[in-house]
Amino acid sequence: MAWIDDRLAEYAQSPAVAGAFGALISLRWMPGTTWASKFTSLLAGFSVAIFLAPYLVEVVGVTSKPGASAFAFMSGFLGLMAMGKGWDWISTTTFGELVSSIFTKRPT
């Protein structure tokens, strides 16, 4: 049974697990979106935690494993929220309005 305790401690300190939990927890505050957009946002938040958090840890200079896990947690949490806002923007913007806003001359 000791190997279970060792594995559990190893997983609990893993930045990937912390990032996944950060993304999962932030799903709670996503207002009325579809399950497809929630799943995509969850994957995006997890991806941000996996790929961006190590860079942030290196740039900031965090040397402890709990500190790295905290960065991964917050990256997953905020990455999911940012993706959720992106889904909201995509779903409310029509392609015609977007193209016309790009090519319409603005008064100077």
C-alpha atoms as a PDB file:
ATOM      1  CA  MET A   1       0.000   0.000   0.000  1.00  0.00           C
ATOM      2  CA  ALA A   2       2.965   2.331   0.372  1.00  0.00           C
ATOM      3  CA  TRP A   3       3.326   2.606  -3.404  1.00  0.00           C
ATOM      4  CA  ILE A   4      -0.211   4.064  -3.588  1.00  0.00           C
ATOM      5  CA  ASP A   5       0.736   6.786  -1.123  1.00  0.00           C
ATOM      6  CA  ASP A   6       3.911   7.548  -3.078  1.00  0.00           C
ATOM      7  CA  ARG A   7       2.005   7.731  -6.368  1.00  0.00           C
ATOM      8  CA  LEU A   8      -0.711   9.905  -4.859  1.00  0.00           C
ATOM      9  CA  ALA A   9       1.847  12.366  -3.505  1.00  0.00           C
ATOM     10  CA  GLU A  10       3.597  12.431  -6.883  1.00  0.00           C
ATOM     11  CA  TYR A  11       0.332  13.127  -8.733  1.00  0.00           C
ATOM     12  CA  ALA A  12      -0.772  15.717  -6.190  1.00  0.00           C
ATOM     13  CA  GLN A  13       2.399  17.738  -6.809  1.00  0.00           C
ATOM     14  CA  SER A  14       2.260  17.398 -10.595  1.00  0.00           C
ATOM     15  CA  PRO A  15       1.764  20.700 -12.439  1.00  0.00           C
ATOM     16  CA  ALA A  16      -0.304  18.881 -15.080  1.00  0.00           C
ATOM     17  CA  VAL A  17      -2.779  17.661 -12.474  1.00  0.00           C
ATOM     18  CA  ALA A  18      -2.906  21.124 -10.895  1.00  0.00           C
ATOM     19  CA  GLY A  19      -3.600  22.693 -14.291  1.00  0.00           C
ATOM     20  CA  ALA A  20      -6.360  20.192 -15.015  1.00  0.00           C
ATOM     21  CA  PHE A  21      -8.011  20.925 -11.671  1.00  0.00           C
ATOM     22  CA  GLY A  22      -7.727  24.661 -12.299  1.00  0.00           C
ATOM     23  CA  ALA A  23      -9.496  24.273 -15.625  1.00  0.00           C
ATOM     24  CA  LEU A  24     -12.145  21.975 -14.134  1.00  0.00           C
ATOM     25  CA  ILE A  25     -12.878  24.329 -11.256  1.00  0.00           C
ATOM     26  CA  SER A  26     -13.279  27.319 -13.548  1.00  0.00           C
ATOM     27  CA  LEU A  27     -15.942  25.425 -15.513  1.00  0.00           C
ATOM     28  CA  ARG A  28     -18.232  26.254 -12.605  1.00  0.00           C
ATOM     29  CA  TRP A  29     -18.322  29.951 -13.533  1.00  0.00           C
ATOM     30  CA  MET A  30     -18.862  29.550 -17.279  1.00  0.00           C
ATOM     31  CA  PRO A  31     -22.340  30.871 -17.971  1.00  0.00           C
ATOM     32  CA  GLY A  32     -24.800  28.878 -20.101  1.00  0.00           C
ATOM     33  CA  THR A  33     -22.636  27.625 -22.930  1.00  0.00           C
ATOM     34  CA  THR A  34     -22.921  24.335 -24.789  1.00  0.00           C
ATOM     35  CA  TRP A  35     -21.106  21.225 -23.654  1.00  0.00           C
ATOM     36  CA  ALA A  36     -19.019  21.303 -26.832  1.00  0.00           C
ATOM     37  CA  SER A  37     -17.736  24.789 -26.033  1.00  0.00           C
ATOM     38  CA  LYS A  38     -17.152  23.827 -22.395  1.00  0.00           C
ATOM     39  CA  PHE A  39     -15.150  20.774 -23.471  1.00  0.00           C
ATOM     40  CA  THR A  40     -13.102  22.832 -25.944  1.00  0.00           C
ATOM     41  CA  SER A  41     -12.486  25.448 -23.281  1.00  0.00           C
ATOM     42  CA  LEU A  42     -11.429  22.736 -20.841  1.00  0.00           C
ATOM     43  CA  LEU A  43      -8.913  21.397 -23.349  1.00  0.00           C
ATOM     44  CA  ALA A  44      -7.649  24.915 -24.007  1.00  0.00           C
ATOM     45  CA  GLY A  45      -7.246  25.642 -20.301  1.00  0.00           C
ATOM     46  CA  PHE A  46      -5.422  22.358 -19.779  1.00  0.00           C
ATOM     47  CA  SER A  47      -3.187  23.063 -22.793  1.00  0.00           C
ATOM     48  CA  VAL A  48      -2.330  26.503 -21.449  1.00  0.00           C
ATOM     49  CA  ALA A  49      -1.408  24.920 -18.116  1.00  0.00           C
ATOM     50  CA  ILE A  50       0.762  22.301 -19.788  1.00  0.00           C
ATOM     51  CA  PHE A  51       2.567  24.526 -22.295  1.00  0.00           C
ATOM     52  CA  LEU A  52       2.501  28.056 -20.840  1.00  0.00           C
ATOM     53  CA  ALA A  53       2.952  27.377 -17.125  1.00  0.00           C
ATOM     54  CA  PRO A  54       6.492  25.899 -17.452  1.00  0.00           C
ATOM     55  CA  TYR A  55       7.548  28.996 -19.385  1.00  0.00           C
ATOM     56  CA  LEU A  56       6.050  31.293 -16.739  1.00  0.00           C
ATOM     57  CA  VAL A  57       7.735  29.323 -13.966  1.00  0.00           C
ATOM     58  CA  GLU A  58      11.068  29.677 -15.728  1.00  0.00           C
ATOM     59  CA  VAL A  59      10.642  33.398 -16.428  1.00  0.00           C
ATOM     60  CA  VAL A  60       9.554  34.212 -12.880  1.00  0.00           C
ATOM     61  CA  GLY A  61      12.227  31.982 -11.377  1.00  0.00           C
ATOM     62  CA  VAL A  62      10.089  29.717  -9.226  1.00  0.00           C
ATOM     63  CA  THR A  63      12.191  26.787  -8.060  1.00  0.00           C
ATOM     64  CA  SER A  64       9.788  24.838  -5.837  1.00  0.00           C
ATOM     65  CA  LYS A  65       7.459  22.150  -7.122  1.00  0.00           C
ATOM     66  CA  PRO A  66       4.454  23.538  -5.192  1.00  0.00           C
ATOM     67  CA  GLY A  67       5.120  26.944  -6.743  1.00  0.00           C
ATOM     68  CA  ALA A  68       5.182  25.413 -10.211  1.00  0.00           C
ATOM     69  CA  SER A  69       1.912  23.621  -9.442  1.00  0.00           C
ATOM     70  CA  ALA A  70       0.358  26.903  -8.333  1.00  0.00           C
ATOM     71  CA  PHE A  71       1.351  28.531 -11.619  1.00  0.00           C
ATOM     72  CA  ALA A  72      -0.097  25.577 -13.534  1.00  0.00           C
ATOM     73  CA  PHE A  73      -3.340  25.762 -11.549  1.00  0.00           C
ATOM     74  CA  MET A  74      -3.788  29.464 -12.249  1.00  0.00           C
ATOM     75  CA  SER A  75      -2.804  29.026 -15.902  1.00  0.00           C
ATOM     76  CA  GLY A  76      -5.442  26.329 -16.329  1.00  0.00           C
ATOM     77  CA  PHE A  77      -8.034  28.388 -14.483  1.00  0.00           C
ATOM     78  CA  LEU A  78      -7.401  31.585 -16.448  1.00  0.00           C
ATOM     79  CA  GLY A  79      -6.818  29.781 -19.749  1.00  0.00           C
ATOM     80  CA  LEU A  80     -10.260  28.217 -19.587  1.00  0.00           C
ATOM     81  CA  MET A  81     -11.872  31.542 -18.731  1.00  0.00           C
ATOM     82  CA  ALA A  82     -10.115  33.236 -21.659  1.00  0.00           C
ATOM     83  CA  MET A  83     -11.248  30.494 -24.034  1.00  0.00           C
ATOM     84  CA  GLY A  84     -14.795  30.834 -22.716  1.00  0.00           C
ATOM     85  CA  LYS A  85     -14.761  34.542 -23.524  1.00  0.00           C
ATOM     86  CA  GLY A  86     -13.382  33.688 -26.962  1.00  0.00           C
ATOM     87  CA  TRP A  87     -16.292  31.286 -27.543  1.00  0.00           C
ATOM     88  CA  ASP A  88     -18.731  34.015 -26.508  1.00  0.00           C
ATOM     89  CA  TRP A  89     -17.128  36.424 -28.956  1.00  0.00           C
ATOM     90  CA  ILE A  90     -17.160  33.865 -31.785  1.00  0.00           C
ATOM     91  CA  SER A  91     -20.798  32.948 -31.187  1.00  0.00           C
ATOM     92  CA  THR A  92     -22.030  36.553 -31.110  1.00  0.00           C
ATOM     93  CA  THR A  93     -19.993  37.906 -34.013  1.00  0.00           C
ATOM     94  CA  THR A  94     -21.268  37.337 -37.507  1.00  0.00           C
ATOM     95  CA  PHE A  95     -18.771  36.938 -40.296  1.00  0.00           C
ATOM     96  CA  GLY A  96     -20.317  39.699 -42.414  1.00  0.00           C
ATOM     97  CA  GLU A  97     -20.103  42.237 -39.606  1.00  0.00           C
ATOM     98  CA  LEU A  98     -16.509  41.278 -38.953  1.00  0.00           C
ATOM     99  CA  VAL A  99     -15.462  41.664 -42.597  1.00  0.00           C
ATOM    100  CA  SER A 100     -17.335  44.939 -43.035  1.00  0.00           C
ATOM    101  CA  SER A 101     -15.783  46.364 -39.862  1.00  0.00           C
ATOM    102  CA  ILE A 102     -12.325  45.528 -41.170  1.00  0.00           C
ATOM    103  CA  PHE A 103     -12.818  47.072 -44.600  1.00  0.00           C
ATOM    104  CA  THR A 104     -15.019  50.033 -43.688  1.00  0.00           C
ATOM    105  CA  LYS A 105     -13.235  53.370 -43.676  1.00  0.00           C
ATOM    106  CA  ARG A 106     -13.285  55.099 -40.343  1.00  0.00           C
ATOM    107  CA  PRO A 107     -13.733  58.861 -40.257  1.00  0.00           C
ATOM    108  CA  THR A 108     -10.541  60.702 -39.385  1.00  0.00           C
END
